[in-house]
Protein backbone atom coordinates (compact mmCIF):
# COMPACT_ATOMS: atom_id res chain seq x y z
CA MET A 1 34.51 17.48 -15.86
CA ILE A 2 34.36 13.87 -14.67
CA LEU A 3 37.93 14.12 -13.43
CA LEU A 4 37.06 17.22 -11.41
CA VAL A 5 34.05 15.51 -9.79
CA PHE A 6 36.14 12.42 -9.02
CA THR A 7 38.89 14.58 -7.51
CA ILE A 8 36.42 16.45 -5.31
CA ILE A 9 34.73 13.25 -4.10
CA PHE A 10 38.09 11.59 -3.46
CA SER A 11 39.34 14.65 -1.54
CA ILE A 12 36.24 14.73 0.64
CA LEU A 13 36.50 11.00 1.41
CA LEU A 14 40.21 11.32 2.17
CA LEU A 15 39.54 14.26 4.49
CA CYS A 16 36.84 12.29 6.32
CA PHE A 17 39.15 9.29 6.67
CA VAL A 18 42.06 11.38 7.98
CA THR A 19 39.78 13.19 10.44
CA LEU A 20 38.34 9.91 11.73
CA ALA A 21 41.81 8.40 12.09
CA TYR A 22 43.10 11.47 13.91
CA ILE A 23 40.15 11.50 16.33
CA LYS A 24 40.50 7.77 17.02
CA GLN A 25 44.24 8.02 17.66
CA ARG A 26 43.80 11.12 19.82
CA THR A 27 41.23 9.31 21.99
CA PHE A 28 43.86 6.90 23.34
CA ARG A 29 46.80 9.32 23.42
CA ASP A 30 46.92 9.27 27.25
CA PHE A 31 47.88 5.59 27.27
CA PRO A 32 51.62 4.93 26.93
CA GLY A 33 52.86 3.65 23.61
CA PRO A 34 54.86 4.59 20.54
CA GLU A 35 53.63 7.49 18.43
CA PRO A 36 51.54 6.14 15.54
CA ASN A 37 51.80 7.06 11.89
CA LEU A 38 48.53 8.60 10.65
CA PHE A 39 48.00 6.07 7.85
CA LEU A 40 49.87 2.97 9.08
CA GLY A 41 49.47 3.29 12.84
CA ASN A 42 52.37 1.33 14.36
CA CYS A 43 52.46 -1.23 11.54
CA HIS A 44 55.49 0.51 10.06
CA MET A 45 57.52 -0.83 13.00
CA ILE A 46 57.02 -4.46 11.98
CA LEU A 47 56.16 -4.20 8.29
CA PHE A 48 59.30 -5.76 6.79
CA LYS A 49 60.62 -7.62 9.82
CA PRO A 50 60.44 -11.40 10.26
CA LEU A 51 57.76 -12.74 12.57
CA TYR A 52 60.20 -14.01 15.21
CA LYS A 53 61.46 -10.44 15.81
CA TYR A 54 57.94 -9.26 16.64
CA MET A 55 58.07 -10.68 20.19
CA ASP A 56 61.50 -9.12 20.75
CA MET A 57 60.09 -5.76 19.65
CA LEU A 58 57.11 -6.12 22.02
CA THR A 59 59.47 -6.94 24.90
CA GLU A 60 61.56 -3.84 24.14
CA LEU A 61 58.42 -1.69 23.94
CA HIS A 62 57.19 -3.06 27.29
CA ASP A 63 60.54 -2.12 28.83
CA ILE A 64 60.07 1.44 27.54
CA TYR A 65 56.31 1.99 28.05
CA GLY A 66 55.45 -0.33 30.94
CA PRO A 67 53.19 -3.37 31.39
CA VAL A 68 50.18 -1.82 29.61
CA MET A 69 50.67 -0.05 26.30
CA ARG A 70 48.70 0.86 23.22
CA LEU A 71 49.52 0.07 19.63
CA HIS A 72 47.62 1.20 16.56
CA ASP A 73 46.92 -1.52 14.01
CA GLY A 74 46.38 0.79 11.09
CA PRO A 75 44.82 4.21 11.28
CA ILE A 76 41.66 3.34 13.23
CA SER A 77 42.07 0.11 15.20
CA THR A 78 43.72 0.34 18.63
CA ILE A 79 45.27 -2.63 20.42
CA PHE A 80 46.14 -2.69 24.10
CA VAL A 81 49.03 -5.00 24.91
CA VAL A 82 49.10 -6.16 28.53
CA LYS A 83 52.11 -7.91 30.06
CA ASP A 84 50.92 -8.15 33.67
CA VAL A 85 49.35 -11.58 34.29
CA LYS A 86 47.34 -10.40 37.32
CA LEU A 87 45.78 -7.59 35.29
CA ILE A 88 44.88 -9.97 32.45
CA GLU A 89 43.28 -12.35 34.96
CA HIS A 90 41.30 -9.48 36.48
CA ILE A 91 40.07 -8.23 33.10
CA LEU A 92 39.12 -11.65 31.72
CA GLY A 93 37.63 -12.85 35.01
CA SER A 94 35.29 -9.89 35.40
CA THR A 95 31.88 -9.90 33.73
CA LYS A 96 31.57 -6.13 34.19
CA GLN A 97 34.44 -5.32 31.86
CA ILE A 98 33.70 -7.69 28.99
CA ASN A 99 31.24 -6.72 26.29
CA LYS A 100 30.81 -8.39 22.95
CA GLY A 101 31.82 -6.59 19.78
CA LYS A 102 29.42 -4.78 17.49
CA GLN A 103 29.26 -7.85 15.25
CA TYR A 104 27.34 -9.73 17.94
CA GLN A 105 24.44 -7.25 17.75
CA TYR A 106 23.33 -8.89 14.52
CA LEU A 107 23.58 -12.38 16.04
CA HIS A 108 21.64 -11.28 19.12
CA LYS A 109 18.51 -10.64 17.05
CA TRP A 110 18.76 -14.13 15.60
CA LEU A 111 20.04 -16.17 18.57
CA SER A 112 18.68 -14.08 21.45
CA THR A 113 20.70 -14.28 24.69
CA GLY A 114 22.76 -17.43 24.94
CA LEU A 115 26.33 -18.60 25.37
CA LEU A 116 27.50 -16.86 22.23
CA THR A 117 25.77 -13.51 22.76
CA SER A 118 25.68 -13.26 26.56
CA THR A 119 27.74 -10.59 28.32
CA GLY A 120 27.65 -12.41 31.65
CA LYS A 121 24.78 -10.43 33.18
């Protein structure tokens, strides 16, 4: 009986996880990039390779997918890799396009608006 309950709970959690991962990966499907694995994202491409080959792989991927591409770091996290220096300068120099992560919401209650929690507004 306990095994049946555990199996049902595990199946429901696994289904929720797979659904969330699929929705998250589908959200950014319009951006160019290699097709991700549902559970590993694009980590399978670099999993057993030495670190110095990682930059070579990124250069090859930029040649295929262009100066802006998406990679999935696991099933849920999405990384955008930008090669164009002008675009990076535009993104980092603009206060309209930079927002703090969700972790800063907790600091904002404690520190109010300051250097650490400000979004530039």
